[in-house]
PDB file of all heavy atoms in Angstrom:
ATOM      1  N   GLU A   1       0.842  -1.209   0.000  1.00  0.00           N
ATOM      2  CA  GLU A   1       0.000   0.000   0.000  1.00  0.00           C
ATOM      3  C   GLU A   1       0.870   1.251   0.000  1.00  0.00           C
ATOM      4  O   GLU A   1       0.563   2.233  -0.673  1.00  0.00           O
ATOM      5  CB  GLU A   1      -0.919  -0.006   1.217  1.00  0.00           C
ATOM      6  CG  GLU A   1      -1.879   1.157   1.228  1.00  0.00           C
ATOM      7  CD  GLU A   1      -2.858   1.104   2.389  1.00  0.00           C
ATOM      8  OE1 GLU A   1      -3.190   0.005   2.852  1.00  0.00           O
ATOM      9  OE2 GLU A   1      -3.274   2.178   2.815  1.00  0.00           O
ATOM     10  N   SER A   2       1.992   1.232   0.727  1.00  0.00           N
ATOM     11  CA  SER A   2       2.921   2.365   0.751  1.00  0.00           C
ATOM     12  C   SER A   2       3.509   2.613  -0.637  1.00  0.00           C
ATOM     13  O   SER A   2       3.624   3.767  -1.069  1.00  0.00           O
ATOM     14  CB  SER A   2       4.035   2.102   1.766  1.00  0.00           C
ATOM     15  OG  SER A   2       4.970   3.142   1.740  1.00  0.00           O
ATOM     16  N   ASP A   3       3.897   1.561  -1.331  1.00  0.00           N
ATOM     17  CA  ASP A   3       4.430   1.709  -2.693  1.00  0.00           C
ATOM     18  C   ASP A   3       3.381   2.303  -3.625  1.00  0.00           C
ATOM     19  O   ASP A   3       3.687   3.166  -4.442  1.00  0.00           O
ATOM     20  CB  ASP A   3       4.888   0.356  -3.255  1.00  0.00           C
ATOM     21  CG  ASP A   3       6.099  -0.203  -2.544  1.00  0.00           C
ATOM     22  OD1 ASP A   3       6.875   0.590  -1.971  1.00  0.00           O
ATOM     23  OD2 ASP A   3       6.267  -1.443  -2.584  1.00  0.00           O
ATOM     24  N   LEU A   4       2.158   1.842  -3.491  1.00  0.00           N
ATOM     25  CA  LEU A   4       1.079   2.336  -4.325  1.00  0.00           C
ATOM     26  C   LEU A   4       0.820   3.814  -4.047  1.00  0.00           C
ATOM     27  O   LEU A   4       0.627   4.602  -4.968  1.00  0.00           O
ATOM     28  CB  LEU A   4      -0.185   1.513  -4.089  1.00  0.00           C
ATOM     29  CG  LEU A   4      -1.353   1.760  -5.017  1.00  0.00           C
ATOM     30  CD1 LEU A   4      -0.951   1.541  -6.469  1.00  0.00           C
ATOM     31  CD2 LEU A   4      -2.519   0.857  -4.643  1.00  0.00           C
ATOM     32  N   ARG A   5       0.840   4.208  -2.777  1.00  0.00           N
ATOM     33  CA  ARG A   5       0.642   5.603  -2.401  1.00  0.00           C
ATOM     34  C   ARG A   5       1.735   6.481  -2.998  1.00  0.00           C
ATOM     35  O   ARG A   5       1.484   7.576  -3.500  1.00  0.00           O
ATOM     36  CB  ARG A   5       0.616   5.725  -0.886  1.00  0.00           C
ATOM     37  CG  ARG A   5      -0.295   6.819  -0.392  1.00  0.00           C
ATOM     38  CD  ARG A   5      -0.432   6.866   1.125  1.00  0.00           C
ATOM     39  NE  ARG A   5      -0.853   5.600   1.697  1.00  0.00           N
ATOM     40  CZ  ARG A   5      -0.160   4.912   2.616  1.00  0.00           C
ATOM     41  NH1 ARG A   5       0.958   5.379   3.095  1.00  0.00           N
ATOM     42  NH2 ARG A   5      -0.611   3.773   3.073  1.00  0.00           N
ATOM     43  N   LYS A   6       2.992   6.011  -2.967  1.00  0.00           N
ATOM     44  CA  LYS A   6       4.104   6.762  -3.550  1.00  0.00           C
ATOM     45  C   LYS A   6       3.940   6.900  -5.060  1.00  0.00           C
ATOM     46  O   LYS A   6       4.256   7.933  -5.638  1.00  0.00           O
ATOM     47  CB  LYS A   6       5.437   6.086  -3.230  1.00  0.00           C
ATOM     48  CG  LYS A   6       5.875   6.263  -1.807  1.00  0.00           C
ATOM     49  CD  LYS A   6       7.180   5.544  -1.551  1.00  0.00           C
ATOM     50  CE  LYS A   6       7.573   5.608  -0.094  1.00  0.00           C
ATOM     51  NZ  LYS A   6       8.775   4.825   0.180  1.00  0.00           N
ATOM     52  N   LEU A   7       3.451   5.867  -5.699  1.00  0.00           N
ATOM     53  CA  LEU A   7       3.272   5.884  -7.138  1.00  0.00           C
ATOM     54  C   LEU A   7       2.136   6.814  -7.564  1.00  0.00           C
ATOM     55  O   LEU A   7       2.283   7.608  -8.489  1.00  0.00           O
ATOM     56  CB  LEU A   7       2.998   4.463  -7.648  1.00  0.00           C
ATOM     57  CG  LEU A   7       2.731   4.306  -9.131  1.00  0.00           C
ATOM     58  CD1 LEU A   7       3.982   4.680  -9.927  1.00  0.00           C
ATOM     59  CD2 LEU A   7       2.321   2.881  -9.441  1.00  0.00           C
ATOM     60  N   LEU A   8       1.022   6.732  -6.855  1.00  0.00           N
ATOM     61  CA  LEU A   8      -0.159   7.494  -7.246  1.00  0.00           C
ATOM     62  C   LEU A   8      -0.228   8.885  -6.634  1.00  0.00           C
ATOM     63  O   LEU A   8      -0.932   9.747  -7.135  1.00  0.00           O
ATOM     64  CB  LEU A   8      -1.422   6.721  -6.863  1.00  0.00           C
ATOM     65  CG  LEU A   8      -1.609   5.383  -7.554  1.00  0.00           C
ATOM     66  CD1 LEU A   8      -2.858   4.688  -7.036  1.00  0.00           C
ATOM     67  CD2 LEU A   8      -1.661   5.566  -9.061  1.00  0.00           C
ATOM     68  N   GLY A   9       0.503   9.110  -5.549  1.00  0.00           N
ATOM     69  CA  GLY A   9       0.439  10.401  -4.887  1.00  0.00           C
ATOM     70  C   GLY A   9      -0.857  10.560  -4.116  1.00  0.00           C
ATOM     71  O   GLY A   9      -1.559   9.610  -3.842  1.00  0.00           O
ATOM     72  N   SER A  10      -1.162  11.786  -3.785  1.00  0.00           N
ATOM     73  CA  SER A  10      -2.345  12.088  -2.998  1.00  0.00           C
ATOM     74  C   SER A  10      -3.196  13.108  -3.740  1.00  0.00           C
ATOM     75  O   SER A  10      -2.689  13.963  -4.450  1.00  0.00           O
ATOM     76  CB  SER A  10      -1.907  12.660  -1.638  1.00  0.00           C
ATOM     77  OG  SER A  10      -3.006  13.179  -0.951  1.00  0.00           O
ATOM     78  N   ALA A  11      -4.488  13.047  -3.521  1.00  0.00           N
ATOM     79  CA  ALA A  11      -5.400  14.006  -4.144  1.00  0.00           C
ATOM     80  C   ALA A  11      -5.552  15.274  -3.315  1.00  0.00           C
ATOM     81  O   ALA A  11      -6.205  16.210  -3.737  1.00  0.00           O
ATOM     82  CB  ALA A  11      -6.763  13.350  -4.340  1.00  0.00           C
ATOM     83  N   ASP A  12      -4.936  15.322  -2.133  1.00  0.00           N
ATOM     84  CA  ASP A  12      -5.021  16.507  -1.279  1.00  0.00           C
ATOM     85  C   ASP A  12      -4.295  17.680  -1.925  1.00  0.00           C
ATOM     86  O   ASP A  12      -3.464  17.488  -2.816  1.00  0.00           O
ATOM     87  CB  ASP A  12      -4.404  16.209   0.096  1.00  0.00           C
ATOM     88  CG  ASP A  12      -5.190  15.163   0.870  1.00  0.00           C
ATOM     89  OD1 ASP A  12      -6.413  15.052   0.641  1.00  0.00           O
ATOM     90  OD2 ASP A  12      -4.581  14.464   1.689  1.00  0.00           O
ATOM     91  N   PRO A  13      -4.602  18.923  -1.505  1.00  0.00           N
ATOM     92  CA  PRO A  13      -3.931  20.097  -2.080  1.00  0.00           C
ATOM     93  C   PRO A  13      -2.408  19.978  -1.988  1.00  0.00           C
ATOM     94  O   PRO A  13      -1.866  19.592  -0.961  1.00  0.00           O
ATOM     95  CB  PRO A  13      -4.442  21.254  -1.233  1.00  0.00           C
ATOM     96  CG  PRO A  13      -5.734  20.773  -0.657  1.00  0.00           C
ATOM     97  CD  PRO A  13      -5.568  19.281  -0.484  1.00  0.00           C
ATOM     98  N   ASP A  14      -1.734  20.294  -3.078  1.00  0.00           N
ATOM     99  CA  ASP A  14      -0.280  20.156  -3.181  1.00  0.00           C
ATOM    100  C   ASP A  14       0.301  21.505  -3.619  1.00  0.00           C
ATOM    101  O   ASP A  14      -0.079  22.026  -4.663  1.00  0.00           O
ATOM    102  CB  ASP A  14       0.035  19.069  -4.214  1.00  0.00           C
ATOM    103  CG  ASP A  14       1.509  18.749  -4.335  1.00  0.00           C
ATOM    104  OD1 ASP A  14       2.346  19.649  -4.118  1.00  0.00           O
ATOM    105  OD2 ASP A  14       1.825  17.601  -4.669  1.00  0.00           O
ATOM    106  N   PRO A  15       1.219  22.090  -2.825  1.00  0.00           N
ATOM    107  CA  PRO A  15       1.764  23.407  -3.161  1.00  0.00           C
ATOM    108  C   PRO A  15       2.767  23.392  -4.303  1.00  0.00           C
ATOM    109  O   PRO A  15       3.234  24.450  -4.725  1.00  0.00           O
ATOM    110  CB  PRO A  15       2.431  23.841  -1.857  1.00  0.00           C
ATOM    111  CG  PRO A  15       2.878  22.561  -1.236  1.00  0.00           C
ATOM    112  CD  PRO A  15       1.777  21.567  -1.588  1.00  0.00           C
ATOM    113  N   GLY A  16       3.122  22.218  -4.795  1.00  0.00           N
ATOM    114  CA  GLY A  16       4.127  22.128  -5.846  1.00  0.00           C
ATOM    115  C   GLY A  16       5.531  22.240  -5.276  1.00  0.00           C
ATOM    116  O   GLY A  16       5.725  22.501  -4.089  1.00  0.00           O
ATOM    117  N   CYS A  17       6.516  22.062  -6.133  1.00  0.00           N
ATOM    118  CA  CYS A  17       7.916  22.058  -5.694  1.00  0.00           C
ATOM    119  C   CYS A  17       8.343  23.407  -5.119  1.00  0.00           C
ATOM    120  O   CYS A  17       9.039  23.450  -4.110  1.00  0.00           O
ATOM    121  CB  CYS A  17       8.829  21.658  -6.844  1.00  0.00           C
ATOM    122  SG  CYS A  17       8.595  19.956  -7.398  1.00  0.00           S
ATOM    123  N   ASP A  18       7.931  24.500  -5.758  1.00  0.00           N
ATOM    124  CA  ASP A  18       8.327  25.817  -5.256  1.00  0.00           C
ATOM    125  C   ASP A  18       7.749  26.076  -3.871  1.00  0.00           C
ATOM    126  O   ASP A  18       8.464  26.526  -2.972  1.00  0.00           O
ATOM    127  CB  ASP A  18       7.890  26.917  -6.222  1.00  0.00           C
ATOM    128  CG  ASP A  18       8.681  26.914  -7.515  1.00  0.00           C
ATOM    129  OD1 ASP A  18       9.806  26.360  -7.534  1.00  0.00           O
ATOM    130  OD2 ASP A  18       8.170  27.460  -8.516  1.00  0.00           O
ATOM    131  N   GLY A  19       6.481  25.808  -3.699  1.00  0.00           N
ATOM    132  CA  GLY A  19       5.844  26.014  -2.401  1.00  0.00           C
ATOM    133  C   GLY A  19       6.425  25.117  -1.327  1.00  0.00           C
ATOM    134  O   GLY A  19       6.649  25.551  -0.196  1.00  0.00           O
ATOM    135  N   ALA A  20       6.693  23.878  -1.675  1.00  0.00           N
ATOM    136  CA  ALA A  20       7.279  22.949  -0.706  1.00  0.00           C
ATOM    137  C   ALA A  20       8.705  23.357  -0.366  1.00  0.00           C
ATOM    138  O   ALA A  20       9.128  23.255   0.792  1.00  0.00           O
ATOM    139  CB  ALA A  20       7.252  21.526  -1.250  1.00  0.00           C
ATOM    140  N   GLY A  21       9.441  23.838  -1.361  1.00  0.00           N
ATOM    141  CA  GLY A  21      10.821  24.263  -1.118  1.00  0.00           C
ATOM    142  C   GLY A  21      10.909  25.379  -0.100  1.00  0.00           C
ATOM    143  O   GLY A  21      11.872  25.453   0.670  1.00  0.00           O
ATOM    144  N   GLU A  22       9.902  26.237  -0.064  1.00  0.00           N
ATOM    145  CA  GLU A  22       9.887  27.332   0.898  1.00  0.00           C
ATOM    146  C   GLU A  22       9.690  26.841   2.330  1.00  0.00           C
ATOM    147  O   GLU A  22      10.038  27.532   3.280  1.00  0.00           O
ATOM    148  CB  GLU A  22       8.788  28.330   0.532  1.00  0.00           C
ATOM    149  CG  GLU A  22       9.057  29.059  -0.771  1.00  0.00           C
ATOM    150  CD  GLU A  22       7.918  29.957  -1.188  1.00  0.00           C
ATOM    151  OE1 GLU A  22       6.979  30.167  -0.390  1.00  0.00           O
ATOM    152  OE2 GLU A  22       7.956  30.450  -2.323  1.00  0.00           O
ATOM    153  N   LEU A  23       9.128  25.643   2.490  1.00  0.00           N
ATOM    154  CA  LEU A  23       8.840  25.096   3.814  1.00  0.00           C
ATOM    155  C   LEU A  23       9.812  23.998   4.243  1.00  0.00           C
ATOM    156  O   LEU A  23       9.791  23.565   5.393  1.00  0.00           O
ATOM    157  CB  LEU A  23       7.417  24.537   3.840  1.00  0.00           C
ATOM    158  CG  LEU A  23       6.308  25.550   3.590  1.00  0.00           C
ATOM    159  CD1 LEU A  23       4.980  24.848   3.402  1.00  0.00           C
ATOM    160  CD2 LEU A  23       6.237  26.543   4.732  1.00  0.00           C
ATOM    161  N   MET A  24      10.657  23.554   3.326  1.00  0.00           N
ATOM    162  CA  MET A  24      11.516  22.407   3.592  1.00  0.00           C
ATOM    163  C   MET A  24      12.453  22.624   4.780  1.00  0.00           C
ATOM    164  O   MET A  24      12.595  21.741   5.630  1.00  0.00           O
ATOM    165  CB  MET A  24      12.326  22.055   2.346  1.00  0.00           C
ATOM    166  CG  MET A  24      13.033  20.714   2.441  1.00  0.00           C
ATOM    167  SD  MET A  24      13.908  20.287   0.920  1.00  0.00           S
ATOM    168  CE  MET A  24      12.583  20.189  -0.255  1.00  0.00           C
ATOM    169  N   ASP A  25      13.101  23.783   4.861  1.00  0.00           N
ATOM    170  CA  ASP A  25      14.023  24.048   5.967  1.00  0.00           C
ATOM    171  C   ASP A  25      13.301  23.976   7.308  1.00  0.00           C
ATOM    172  O   ASP A  25      13.784  23.339   8.252  1.00  0.00           O
ATOM    173  CB  ASP A  25      14.678  25.424   5.823  1.00  0.00           C
ATOM    174  CG  ASP A  25      15.660  25.493   4.680  1.00  0.00           C
ATOM    175  OD1 ASP A  25      16.073  24.425   4.175  1.00  0.00           O
ATOM    176  OD2 ASP A  25      16.039  26.614   4.300  1.00  0.00           O
ATOM    177  N   GLU A  26      12.147  24.639   7.386  1.00  0.00           N
ATOM    178  CA  GLU A  26      11.384  24.640   8.633  1.00  0.00           C
ATOM    179  C   GLU A  26      10.981  23.221   9.019  1.00  0.00           C
ATOM    180  O   GLU A  26      11.122  22.807  10.177  1.00  0.00           O
ATOM    181  CB  GLU A  26      10.151  25.523   8.493  1.00  0.00           C
ATOM    182  CG  GLU A  26       9.287  25.533   9.739  1.00  0.00           C
ATOM    183  CD  GLU A  26       8.007  26.318   9.581  1.00  0.00           C
ATOM    184  OE1 GLU A  26       7.730  26.831   8.470  1.00  0.00           O
ATOM    185  OE2 GLU A  26       7.266  26.400  10.582  1.00  0.00           O
ATOM    186  N   TYR A  27      10.472  22.468   8.056  1.00  0.00           N
ATOM    187  CA  TYR A  27      10.062  21.089   8.313  1.00  0.00           C
ATOM    188  C   TYR A  27      11.231  20.267   8.850  1.00  0.00           C
ATOM    189  O   TYR A  27      11.110  19.586   9.871  1.00  0.00           O
ATOM    190  CB  TYR A  27       9.509  20.456   7.035  1.00  0.00           C
ATOM    191  CG  TYR A  27       9.306  18.972   7.141  1.00  0.00           C
ATOM    192  CD1 TYR A  27       8.173  18.442   7.732  1.00  0.00           C
ATOM    193  CD2 TYR A  27      10.276  18.084   6.662  1.00  0.00           C
ATOM    194  CE1 TYR A  27       7.990  17.070   7.843  1.00  0.00           C
ATOM    195  CE2 TYR A  27      10.105  16.717   6.769  1.00  0.00           C
ATOM    196  CZ  TYR A  27       8.963  16.219   7.358  1.00  0.00           C
ATOM    197  OH  TYR A  27       8.796  14.858   7.483  1.00  0.00           O
ATOM    198  N   CYS A  28      12.364  20.336   8.174  1.00  0.00           N
ATOM    199  CA  CYS A  28      13.526  19.536   8.572  1.00  0.00           C
ATOM    200  C   CYS A  28      14.039  19.924   9.950  1.00  0.00           C
ATOM    201  O   CYS A  28      14.430  19.056  10.740  1.00  0.00           O
ATOM    202  CB  CYS A  28      14.631  19.655   7.526  1.00  0.00           C
ATOM    203  SG  CYS A  28      14.238  18.790   5.991  1.00  0.00           S
ATOM    204  N   GLU A  29      14.044  21.213  10.250  1.00  0.00           N
ATOM    205  CA  GLU A  29      14.500  21.644  11.572  1.00  0.00           C
ATOM    206  C   GLU A  29      13.578  21.119  12.668  1.00  0.00           C
ATOM    207  O   GLU A  29      14.045  20.670  13.719  1.00  0.00           O
ATOM    208  CB  GLU A  29      14.603  23.161  11.626  1.00  0.00           C
ATOM    209  CG  GLU A  29      15.763  23.683  10.802  1.00  0.00           C
ATOM    210  CD  GLU A  29      15.790  25.192  10.679  1.00  0.00           C
ATOM    211  OE1 GLU A  29      14.939  25.874  11.291  1.00  0.00           O
ATOM    212  OE2 GLU A  29      16.663  25.700   9.954  1.00  0.00           O
ATOM    213  N   LEU A  30      12.281  21.168  12.441  1.00  0.00           N
ATOM    214  CA  LEU A  30      11.325  20.644  13.426  1.00  0.00           C
ATOM    215  C   LEU A  30      11.503  19.142  13.617  1.00  0.00           C
ATOM    216  O   LEU A  30      11.529  18.647  14.749  1.00  0.00           O
ATOM    217  CB  LEU A  30       9.889  20.954  12.992  1.00  0.00           C
ATOM    218  CG  LEU A  30       9.462  22.417  13.065  1.00  0.00           C
ATOM    219  CD1 LEU A  30       8.122  22.613  12.367  1.00  0.00           C
ATOM    220  CD2 LEU A  30       9.390  22.891  14.504  1.00  0.00           C
ATOM    221  N   VAL A  31      11.628  18.404  12.520  1.00  0.00           N
ATOM    222  CA  VAL A  31      11.803  16.952  12.606  1.00  0.00           C
ATOM    223  C   VAL A  31      13.117  16.604  13.308  1.00  0.00           C
ATOM    224  O   VAL A  31      13.149  15.736  14.176  1.00  0.00           O
ATOM    225  CB  VAL A  31      11.735  16.310  11.202  1.00  0.00           C
ATOM    226  CG1 VAL A  31      12.163  14.853  11.245  1.00  0.00           C
ATOM    227  CG2 VAL A  31      10.327  16.428  10.633  1.00  0.00           C
ATOM    228  N   ALA A  32      14.184  17.299  12.963  1.00  0.00           N
ATOM    229  CA  ALA A  32      15.495  17.022  13.570  1.00  0.00           C
ATOM    230  C   ALA A  32      15.469  17.268  15.076  1.00  0.00           C
ATOM    231  O   ALA A  32      16.152  16.578  15.831  1.00  0.00           O
ATOM    232  CB  ALA A  32      16.572  17.866  12.901  1.00  0.00           C
ATOM    233  N   ARG A  33      14.685  18.246  15.506  1.00  0.00           N
ATOM    234  CA  ARG A  33      14.583  18.549  16.950  1.00  0.00           C
ATOM    235  C   ARG A  33      13.531  17.682  17.635  1.00  0.00           C
ATOM    236  O   ARG A  33      13.382  17.745  18.860  1.00  0.00           O
ATOM    237  CB  ARG A  33      14.237  20.024  17.152  1.00  0.00           C
ATOM    238  CG  ARG A  33      15.362  20.964  16.790  1.00  0.00           C
ATOM    239  CD  ARG A  33      15.097  22.385  17.273  1.00  0.00           C
ATOM    240  NE  ARG A  33      13.835  22.935  16.829  1.00  0.00           N
ATOM    241  CZ  ARG A  33      13.691  23.867  15.880  1.00  0.00           C
ATOM    242  NH1 ARG A  33      14.755  24.341  15.261  1.00  0.00           N
ATOM    243  NH2 ARG A  33      12.501  24.323  15.576  1.00  0.00           N
ATOM    244  N   GLY A  34      12.777  16.905  16.859  1.00  0.00           N
ATOM    245  CA  GLY A  34      11.740  16.044  17.433  1.00  0.00           C
ATOM    246  C   GLY A  34      10.503  16.803  17.870  1.00  0.00           C
ATOM    247  O   GLY A  34       9.751  16.328  18.714  1.00  0.00           O
ATOM    248  N   GLU A  35      10.283  17.977  17.287  1.00  0.00           N
ATOM    249  CA  GLU A  35       9.124  18.789  17.650  1.00  0.00           C
ATOM    250  C   GLU A  35       7.915  18.401  16.801  1.00  0.00           C
ATOM    251  O   GLU A  35       8.056  17.924  15.681  1.00  0.00           O
ATOM    252  CB  GLU A  35       9.448  20.271  17.461  1.00  0.00           C
ATOM    253  CG  GLU A  35      10.543  20.751  18.400  1.00  0.00           C
ATOM    254  CD  GLU A  35      10.847  22.236  18.248  1.00  0.00           C
ATOM    255  OE1 GLU A  35       9.990  22.976  17.720  1.00  0.00           O
ATOM    256  OE2 GLU A  35      11.944  22.642  18.656  1.00  0.00           O
ATOM    257  N   PRO A  36       6.722  18.638  17.330  1.00  0.00           N
ATOM    258  CA  PRO A  36       5.514  18.326  16.548  1.00  0.00           C
ATOM    259  C   PRO A  36       5.393  19.255  15.348  1.00  0.00           C
ATOM    260  O   PRO A  36       5.865  20.394  15.369  1.00  0.00           O
ATOM    261  CB  PRO A  36       4.373  18.554  17.544  1.00  0.00           C
ATOM    262  CG  PRO A  36       4.941  19.403  18.624  1.00  0.00           C
ATOM    263  CD  PRO A  36       6.417  19.160  18.650  1.00  0.00           C
ATOM    264  N   LEU A  37       4.764  18.748  14.315  1.00  0.00           N
ATOM    265  CA  LEU A  37       4.582  19.528  13.096  1.00  0.00           C
ATOM    266  C   LEU A  37       3.268  20.296  13.167  1.00  0.00           C
ATOM    267  O   LEU A  37       2.228  19.706  13.485  1.00  0.00           O
ATOM    268  CB  LEU A  37       4.574  18.612  11.875  1.00  0.00           C
ATOM    269  CG  LEU A  37       5.837  17.802  11.645  1.00  0.00           C
ATOM    270  CD1 LEU A  37       5.653  16.882  10.452  1.00  0.00           C
ATOM    271  CD2 LEU A  37       7.024  18.717  11.430  1.00  0.00           C
ATOM    272  N   PRO A  38       3.302  21.601  12.872  1.00  0.00           N
ATOM    273  CA  PRO A  38       2.059  22.371  12.878  1.00  0.00           C
ATOM    274  C   PRO A  38       1.174  21.982  11.697  1.00  0.00           C
ATOM    275  O   PRO A  38       1.657  21.517  10.652  1.00  0.00           O
ATOM    276  CB  PRO A  38       2.540  23.823  12.757  1.00  0.00           C
ATOM    277  CG  PRO A  38       3.907  23.752  12.180  1.00  0.00           C
ATOM    278  CD  PRO A  38       4.473  22.420  12.577  1.00  0.00           C
ATOM    279  N   ALA A  39      -0.105  22.201  11.848  1.00  0.00           N
ATOM    280  CA  ALA A  39      -1.087  21.848  10.814  1.00  0.00           C
ATOM    281  C   ALA A  39      -0.796  22.556   9.492  1.00  0.00           C
ATOM    282  O   ALA A  39      -1.100  22.025   8.428  1.00  0.00           O
ATOM    283  CB  ALA A  39      -2.490  22.185  11.293  1.00  0.00           C
ATOM    284  N   ARG A  40      -0.157  23.724   9.536  1.00  0.00           N
ATOM    285  CA  ARG A  40       0.107  24.471   8.297  1.00  0.00           C
ATOM    286  C   ARG A  40       1.106  23.759   7.387  1.00  0.00           C
ATOM    287  O   ARG A  40       1.275  24.138   6.236  1.00  0.00           O
ATOM    288  CB  ARG A  40       0.549  25.889   8.592  1.00  0.00           C
ATOM    289  CG  ARG A  40       1.838  26.009   9.332  1.00  0.00           C
ATOM    290  CD  ARG A  40       2.133  27.477   9.669  1.00  0.00           C
ATOM    291  NE  ARG A  40       3.095  27.587  10.724  1.00  0.00           N
ATOM    292  CZ  ARG A  40       4.379  27.321  10.590  1.00  0.00           C
ATOM    293  NH1 ARG A  40       4.843  26.944   9.437  1.00  0.00           N
ATOM    294  NH2 ARG A  40       5.200  27.426  11.609  1.00  0.00           N
ATOM    295  N   LEU A  41       1.771  22.720   7.879  1.00  0.00           N
ATOM    296  CA  LEU A  41       2.693  21.946   7.045  1.00  0.00           C
ATOM    297  C   LEU A  41       2.007  20.769   6.356  1.00  0.00           C
ATOM    298  O   LEU A  41       2.664  19.973   5.687  1.00  0.00           O
ATOM    299  CB  LEU A  41       3.888  21.451   7.872  1.00  0.00           C
ATOM    300  CG  LEU A  41       4.868  22.532   8.325  1.00  0.00           C
ATOM    301  CD1 LEU A  41       5.978  21.919   9.172  1.00  0.00           C
ATOM    302  CD2 LEU A  41       5.465  23.273   7.148  1.00  0.00           C
ATOM    303  N   ALA A  42       0.688  20.665   6.475  1.00  0.00           N
ATOM    304  CA  ALA A  42      -0.038  19.545   5.866  1.00  0.00           C
ATOM    305  C   ALA A  42       0.153  19.507   4.352  1.00  0.00           C
ATOM    306  O   ALA A  42       0.364  18.435   3.775  1.00  0.00           O
ATOM    307  CB  ALA A  42      -1.520  19.620   6.215  1.00  0.00           C
ATOM    308  N   ALA A  43       0.101  20.652   3.684  1.00  0.00           N
ATOM    309  CA  ALA A  43       0.276  20.679   2.230  1.00  0.00           C
ATOM    310  C   ALA A  43       1.700  20.263   1.858  1.00  0.00           C
ATOM    311  O   ALA A  43       1.917  19.602   0.840  1.00  0.00           O
ATOM    312  CB  ALA A  43      -0.042  22.063   1.677  1.00  0.00           C
ATOM    313  N   PHE A  44       2.672  20.641   2.686  1.00  0.00           N
ATOM    314  CA  PHE A  44       4.057  20.222   2.451  1.00  0.00           C
ATOM    315  C   PHE A  44       4.141  18.693   2.499  1.00  0.00           C
ATOM    316  O   PHE A  44       4.768  18.072   1.639  1.00  0.00           O
ATOM    317  CB  PHE A  44       4.994  20.837   3.496  1.00  0.00           C
ATOM    318  CG  PHE A  44       6.390  20.305   3.443  1.00  0.00           C
ATOM    319  CD1 PHE A  44       7.305  20.835   2.547  1.00  0.00           C
ATOM    320  CD2 PHE A  44       6.793  19.266   4.262  1.00  0.00           C
ATOM    321  CE1 PHE A  44       8.603  20.334   2.479  1.00  0.00           C
ATOM    322  CE2 PHE A  44       8.081  18.766   4.202  1.00  0.00           C
ATOM    323  CZ  PHE A  44       8.992  19.292   3.311  1.00  0.00           C
TER     324      PHE A  44
END
């Protein structure tokens, strides 16, 4: 099921590569520190 999800993607709103790139640093810093992810990162 995980492979299928990766292949097909998700139908949820997607900000595209540019939009995701703007959030990547913040996301990685939060994950590296073990902090919870805010809801605003759902599109990322």
